[in-house]
Amino acid sequence: MIYANKTIPDKFYDAEYLRKLHWDENKTCEEIGDILGGICPGTVRRQMNRLGVRTKNSSESKIGLMTGEKHPNWKGGISTLDALLREYFNTNIAPKVAKRDNYTCQCCGATHTVLHVHHIKWFS
C-alpha cells in the first residue's frame, strides 16, 4: 500500500509484531514508526488500537526510564552505613517499638499525637 508517497511495510498490519515491539522490547510508538520507515507515532498508535494491541499510557511507558543511573538525582549508588541504619530502624524497629508501647509517648504519656521513636544510642 502507498501512503503519502511512502510504501507501508506489511509488518504495519501484523498485530503480533507490533505487540512484541511495544511490550516485549519496550519500544514507543515513535520508535516503532521509525523502524517501519518513518510512520507518524499517532498513526502507529491508531493502527495498534485497530488491531487490538493495547498501547501503554504515559505512566506505563516511563517505568524503568528514571531508575538507577538513568535518574537525574543519581549519586553513584553508594549509601553510607548511617543511611542504611536509619532506613532499617525506621522501617523495621520503630513500628514495633510504637506498638509495644501501645502508641504512647514514654516521656509525657500522650496518646493521640505524632510519635517519634528515639534511639537509646545515637547514630552519630
C-alpha atoms as a PDB file:
ATOM      1  CA  MET A   1       0.000   0.000   0.000  1.00  0.00           C
ATOM      2  CA  ILE A   2       1.273   3.506  -0.815  1.00  0.00           C
ATOM      3  CA  TYR A   3       0.575   6.246   1.733  1.00  0.00           C
ATOM      4  CA  ALA A   4       1.713   9.837   1.121  1.00  0.00           C
ATOM      5  CA  ASN A   5       4.398   8.679  -1.320  1.00  0.00           C
ATOM      6  CA  LYS A   6       5.613   6.044   1.165  1.00  0.00           C
ATOM      7  CA  THR A   7       5.229   2.302   0.960  1.00  0.00           C
ATOM      8  CA  ILE A   8       3.741   0.886   4.151  1.00  0.00           C
ATOM      9  CA  PRO A   9       5.530  -2.339   5.141  1.00  0.00           C
ATOM     10  CA  ASP A  10       3.489  -5.495   5.732  1.00  0.00           C
ATOM     11  CA  LYS A  11       4.671  -5.551   9.374  1.00  0.00           C
ATOM     12  CA  PHE A  12       2.440  -2.478   9.949  1.00  0.00           C
ATOM     13  CA  TYR A  13      -0.566  -4.815   9.695  1.00  0.00           C
ATOM     14  CA  ASP A  14       0.900  -7.591  11.880  1.00  0.00           C
ATOM     15  CA  ALA A  15      -0.616  -7.288  15.389  1.00  0.00           C
ATOM     16  CA  GLU A  16       1.787  -9.792  16.958  1.00  0.00           C
ATOM     17  CA  TYR A  17       4.837  -7.971  15.574  1.00  0.00           C
ATOM     18  CA  LEU A  18       3.587  -4.600  16.862  1.00  0.00           C
ATOM     19  CA  ARG A  19       2.730  -6.100  20.278  1.00  0.00           C
ATOM     20  CA  LYS A  20       6.194  -7.673  20.526  1.00  0.00           C
ATOM     21  CA  LEU A  21       7.918  -4.387  19.714  1.00  0.00           C
ATOM     22  CA  HIS A  22       5.760  -2.316  22.064  1.00  0.00           C
ATOM     23  CA  TRP A  23       5.522  -4.611  25.092  1.00  0.00           C
ATOM     24  CA  ASP A  24       8.413  -7.087  24.916  1.00  0.00           C
ATOM     25  CA  GLU A  25      11.084  -4.767  23.508  1.00  0.00           C
ATOM     26  CA  ASN A  26       9.643  -1.672  25.262  1.00  0.00           C
ATOM     27  CA  LYS A  27       9.578   0.455  22.090  1.00  0.00           C
ATOM     28  CA  THR A  28       7.489   3.622  21.948  1.00  0.00           C
ATOM     29  CA  CYS A  29       5.072   4.332  19.092  1.00  0.00           C
ATOM     30  CA  GLU A  30       7.602   6.869  17.791  1.00  0.00           C
ATOM     31  CA  GLU A  31      10.379   4.247  17.747  1.00  0.00           C
ATOM     32  CA  ILE A  32       8.086   1.719  16.062  1.00  0.00           C
ATOM     33  CA  GLY A  33       7.207   4.321  13.442  1.00  0.00           C
ATOM     34  CA  ASP A  34      10.910   4.885  12.766  1.00  0.00           C
ATOM     35  CA  ILE A  35      11.500   1.133  12.470  1.00  0.00           C
ATOM     36  CA  LEU A  36       8.655   0.878   9.964  1.00  0.00           C
ATOM     37  CA  GLY A  37      10.096   3.618   7.778  1.00  0.00           C
ATOM     38  CA  GLY A  38       9.107   6.930   9.330  1.00  0.00           C
ATOM     39  CA  ILE A  39       5.417   6.434  10.077  1.00  0.00           C
ATOM     40  CA  CYS A  40       3.848   9.034  12.368  1.00  0.00           C
ATOM     41  CA  PRO A  41       3.548   7.850  16.029  1.00  0.00           C
ATOM     42  CA  GLY A  42      -0.158   8.748  16.070  1.00  0.00           C
ATOM     43  CA  THR A  43      -0.746   6.557  13.031  1.00  0.00           C
ATOM     44  CA  VAL A  44       1.118   3.688  14.700  1.00  0.00           C
ATOM     45  CA  ARG A  45      -0.983   4.088  17.877  1.00  0.00           C
ATOM     46  CA  ARG A  46      -4.255   4.129  15.891  1.00  0.00           C
ATOM     47  CA  GLN A  47      -3.217   1.050  13.895  1.00  0.00           C
ATOM     48  CA  MET A  48      -2.303  -0.808  17.095  1.00  0.00           C
ATOM     49  CA  ASN A  49      -5.697   0.066  18.583  1.00  0.00           C
ATOM     50  CA  ARG A  50      -7.447  -1.132  15.395  1.00  0.00           C
ATOM     51  CA  LEU A  51      -5.559  -4.433  15.604  1.00  0.00           C
ATOM     52  CA  GLY A  52      -6.462  -4.860  19.288  1.00  0.00           C
ATOM     53  CA  VAL A  53      -2.950  -4.235  20.609  1.00  0.00           C
ATOM     54  CA  ARG A  54      -3.211  -2.268  23.851  1.00  0.00           C
ATOM     55  CA  THR A  55      -0.815   0.656  23.977  1.00  0.00           C
ATOM     56  CA  LYS A  56       0.917   1.904  27.101  1.00  0.00           C
ATOM     57  CA  ASN A  57      -0.303   5.053  28.786  1.00  0.00           C
ATOM     58  CA  SER A  58       2.252   7.727  29.668  1.00  0.00           C
ATOM     59  CA  SER A  59       2.991   6.392  33.158  1.00  0.00           C
ATOM     60  CA  GLU A  60       3.405   2.806  31.921  1.00  0.00           C
ATOM     61  CA  SER A  61       5.881   3.888  29.280  1.00  0.00           C
ATOM     62  CA  LYS A  62       8.032   5.704  31.859  1.00  0.00           C
ATOM     63  CA  ILE A  63       8.516   2.610  34.035  1.00  0.00           C
ATOM     64  CA  GLY A  64      12.207   1.847  34.193  1.00  0.00           C
ATOM     65  CA  LEU A  65      13.284   5.030  32.427  1.00  0.00           C
ATOM     66  CA  MET A  66      14.024   7.037  35.583  1.00  0.00           C
ATOM     67  CA  THR A  67      15.626   4.400  37.779  1.00  0.00           C
ATOM     68  CA  GLY A  68      19.186   3.910  38.922  1.00  0.00           C
ATOM     69  CA  GLU A  69      21.826   5.572  36.787  1.00  0.00           C
ATOM     70  CA  LYS A  70      19.155   6.982  34.445  1.00  0.00           C
ATOM     71  CA  HIS A  71      17.629   9.146  37.188  1.00  0.00           C
ATOM     72  CA  PRO A  72      18.850  12.768  37.239  1.00  0.00           C
ATOM     73  CA  ASN A  73      19.455  12.624  41.024  1.00  0.00           C
ATOM     74  CA  TRP A  74      21.707   9.553  40.782  1.00  0.00           C
ATOM     75  CA  LYS A  75      24.730   9.974  43.052  1.00  0.00           C
ATOM     76  CA  GLY A  76      26.647   6.825  42.251  1.00  0.00           C
ATOM     77  CA  GLY A  77      24.643   4.230  44.159  1.00  0.00           C
ATOM     78  CA  ILE A  78      26.709   4.184  47.332  1.00  0.00           C
ATOM     79  CA  SER A  79      24.748   4.556  50.566  1.00  0.00           C
ATOM     80  CA  THR A  80      26.541   5.342  53.778  1.00  0.00           C
ATOM     81  CA  LEU A  81      26.245   2.967  56.704  1.00  0.00           C
ATOM     82  CA  ASP A  82      24.445   5.733  58.611  1.00  0.00           C
ATOM     83  CA  ALA A  83      21.757   5.984  55.906  1.00  0.00           C
ATOM     84  CA  LEU A  84      21.290   2.209  55.797  1.00  0.00           C
ATOM     85  CA  LEU A  85      20.956   2.009  59.598  1.00  0.00           C
ATOM     86  CA  ARG A  86      18.406   4.849  59.686  1.00  0.00           C
ATOM     87  CA  GLU A  87      16.317   3.236  56.952  1.00  0.00           C
ATOM     88  CA  TYR A  88      16.419  -0.137  58.699  1.00  0.00           C
ATOM     89  CA  PHE A  89      15.472   1.427  62.039  1.00  0.00           C
ATOM     90  CA  ASN A  90      12.580   3.469  60.611  1.00  0.00           C
ATOM     91  CA  THR A  91      11.072   0.589  58.627  1.00  0.00           C
ATOM     92  CA  ASN A  92      11.711  -2.380  60.932  1.00  0.00           C
ATOM     93  CA  ILE A  93      12.270  -1.328  64.523  1.00  0.00           C
ATOM     94  CA  ALA A  94      10.320   1.925  65.072  1.00  0.00           C
ATOM     95  CA  PRO A  95       6.862   0.457  64.226  1.00  0.00           C
ATOM     96  CA  LYS A  96       7.452  -2.465  66.610  1.00  0.00           C
ATOM     97  CA  VAL A  97       8.556  -0.142  69.413  1.00  0.00           C
ATOM     98  CA  ALA A  98       5.486   2.096  68.946  1.00  0.00           C
ATOM     99  CA  LYS A  99       3.196  -0.947  69.048  1.00  0.00           C
ATOM    100  CA  ARG A 100       4.998  -2.354  72.097  1.00  0.00           C
ATOM    101  CA  ASP A 101       4.479   0.953  73.940  1.00  0.00           C
ATOM    102  CA  ASN A 102       0.776   0.992  72.931  1.00  0.00           C
ATOM    103  CA  TYR A 103       1.386   4.126  70.810  1.00  0.00           C
ATOM    104  CA  THR A 104       2.024   6.175  73.973  1.00  0.00           C
ATOM    105  CA  CYS A 105       4.787   8.747  74.463  1.00  0.00           C
ATOM    106  CA  GLN A 106       7.185   7.438  77.111  1.00  0.00           C
ATOM    107  CA  CYS A 107       8.143  10.967  78.212  1.00  0.00           C
ATOM    108  CA  CYS A 108       4.774  12.690  78.736  1.00  0.00           C
ATOM    109  CA  GLY A 109       2.206   9.867  78.395  1.00  0.00           C
ATOM    110  CA  ALA A 110       0.357  11.474  75.422  1.00  0.00           C
ATOM    111  CA  THR A 111      -1.531   9.015  73.247  1.00  0.00           C
ATOM    112  CA  HIS A 112      -3.204  10.983  70.446  1.00  0.00           C
ATOM    113  CA  THR A 113      -0.139  12.647  68.962  1.00  0.00           C
ATOM    114  CA  VAL A 114       2.551  12.044  66.399  1.00  0.00           C
ATOM    115  CA  LEU A 115       5.106   9.755  67.970  1.00  0.00           C
ATOM    116  CA  HIS A 116       8.837   9.872  67.336  1.00  0.00           C
ATOM    117  CA  VAL A 117      10.720   6.750  68.343  1.00  0.00           C
ATOM    118  CA  HIS A 118      14.155   7.748  69.575  1.00  0.00           C
ATOM    119  CA  HIS A 119      17.339   5.768  69.903  1.00  0.00           C
ATOM    120  CA  ILE A 120      18.982   4.545  73.080  1.00  0.00           C
ATOM    121  CA  LYS A 121      22.367   5.142  71.379  1.00  0.00           C
ATOM    122  CA  TRP A 122      22.819   7.959  68.866  1.00  0.00           C
ATOM    123  CA  PHE A 123      23.761   7.094  65.295  1.00  0.00           C
ATOM    124  CA  SER A 124      26.467   9.732  65.350  1.00  0.00           C
END
